Structure formats: structure tokens, C-alpha cells
Amino acid sequence: SVTVLVNIHNIYLKFVLT
């Protein structure tokens, strides 16, 4: 679902931006 994709994307960004 969209919510799951958004959560995964947010986690991905957290790792990338860190």
C-alpha cells in the first residue's frame, strides 16, 4: 500500500541523509 511505501522511503532517506 501507499503508506508502506512512504514509510520505506522515509527510512531510506534517513539512512541516505545521515
PDB file of N, CA and C in Angstrom:
ATOM      1  N   SER A   1       0.840  -1.205   0.000  1.00  0.00           N
ATOM      2  CA  SER A   1       0.000   0.000   0.000  1.00  0.00           C
ATOM      3  C   SER A   1       0.872   1.252   0.000  1.00  0.00           C
ATOM      4  N   VAL A   2       0.251   2.380  -0.208  1.00  0.00           N
ATOM      5  CA  VAL A   2       0.997   3.640  -0.289  1.00  0.00           C
ATOM      6  C   VAL A   2       1.702   3.941   1.038  1.00  0.00           C
ATOM      7  N   THR A   3       1.015   3.718   2.138  1.00  0.00           N
ATOM      8  CA  THR A   3       1.596   4.021   3.457  1.00  0.00           C
ATOM      9  C   THR A   3       2.891   3.266   3.675  1.00  0.00           C
ATOM     10  N   VAL A   4       2.899   2.000   3.312  1.00  0.00           N
ATOM     11  CA  VAL A   4       4.108   1.180   3.473  1.00  0.00           C
ATOM     12  C   VAL A   4       5.237   1.729   2.618  1.00  0.00           C
ATOM     13  N   LEU A   5       4.925   2.110   1.404  1.00  0.00           N
ATOM     14  CA  LEU A   5       5.948   2.665   0.511  1.00  0.00           C
ATOM     15  C   LEU A   5       6.515   3.962   1.067  1.00  0.00           C
ATOM     16  N   VAL A   6       5.653   4.795   1.618  1.00  0.00           N
ATOM     17  CA  VAL A   6       6.101   6.061   2.194  1.00  0.00           C
ATOM     18  C   VAL A   6       7.015   5.797   3.387  1.00  0.00           C
ATOM     19  N   ASN A   7       6.647   4.846   4.236  1.00  0.00           N
ATOM     20  CA  ASN A   7       7.470   4.523   5.402  1.00  0.00           C
ATOM     21  C   ASN A   7       8.829   4.018   4.975  1.00  0.00           C
ATOM     22  N   ILE A   8       8.871   3.136   3.993  1.00  0.00           N
ATOM     23  CA  ILE A   8      10.137   2.610   3.491  1.00  0.00           C
ATOM     24  C   ILE A   8      10.970   3.749   2.905  1.00  0.00           C
ATOM     25  N   HIS A   9      10.336   4.621   2.170  1.00  0.00           N
ATOM     26  CA  HIS A   9      11.042   5.743   1.554  1.00  0.00           C
ATOM     27  C   HIS A   9      11.633   6.658   2.628  1.00  0.00           C
ATOM     28  N   ASN A  10      10.867   6.924   3.681  1.00  0.00           N
ATOM     29  CA  ASN A  10      11.352   7.783   4.763  1.00  0.00           C
ATOM     30  C   ASN A  10      12.554   7.157   5.450  1.00  0.00           C
ATOM     31  N   ILE A  11      12.497   5.852   5.702  1.00  0.00           N
ATOM     32  CA  ILE A  11      13.623   5.151   6.333  1.00  0.00           C
ATOM     33  C   ILE A  11      14.830   5.214   5.411  1.00  0.00           C
ATOM     34  N   TYR A  12      14.608   5.015   4.134  1.00  0.00           N
ATOM     35  CA  TYR A  12      15.704   5.076   3.165  1.00  0.00           C
ATOM     36  C   TYR A  12      16.370   6.441   3.184  1.00  0.00           C
ATOM     37  N   LEU A  13      15.555   7.493   3.199  1.00  0.00           N
ATOM     38  CA  LEU A  13      16.092   8.858   3.221  1.00  0.00           C
ATOM     39  C   LEU A  13      16.882   9.107   4.504  1.00  0.00           C
ATOM     40  N   LYS A  14      16.409   8.566   5.620  1.00  0.00           N
ATOM     41  CA  LYS A  14      17.116   8.765   6.888  1.00  0.00           C
ATOM     42  C   LYS A  14      18.524   8.193   6.786  1.00  0.00           C
ATOM     43  N   PHE A  15      18.646   7.013   6.193  1.00  0.00           N
ATOM     44  CA  PHE A  15      19.967   6.408   6.061  1.00  0.00           C
ATOM     45  C   PHE A  15      20.829   7.181   5.073  1.00  0.00           C
ATOM     46  N   VAL A  16      20.236   7.647   4.000  1.00  0.00           N
ATOM     47  CA  VAL A  16      20.992   8.360   2.968  1.00  0.00           C
ATOM     48  C   VAL A  16      21.439   9.738   3.463  1.00  0.00           C
ATOM     49  N   LEU A  17      20.571  10.427   4.181  1.00  0.00           N
ATOM     50  CA  LEU A  17      20.883  11.784   4.624  1.00  0.00           C
ATOM     51  C   LEU A  17      21.812  11.805   5.841  1.00  0.00           C
ATOM     52  N   THR A  18      21.918  10.698   6.554  1.00  0.00           N
ATOM     53  CA  THR A  18      22.753  10.647   7.753  1.00  0.00           C
ATOM     54  C   THR A  18      24.221  10.741   7.380  1.00  0.00           C
TER      55      THR A  18
END
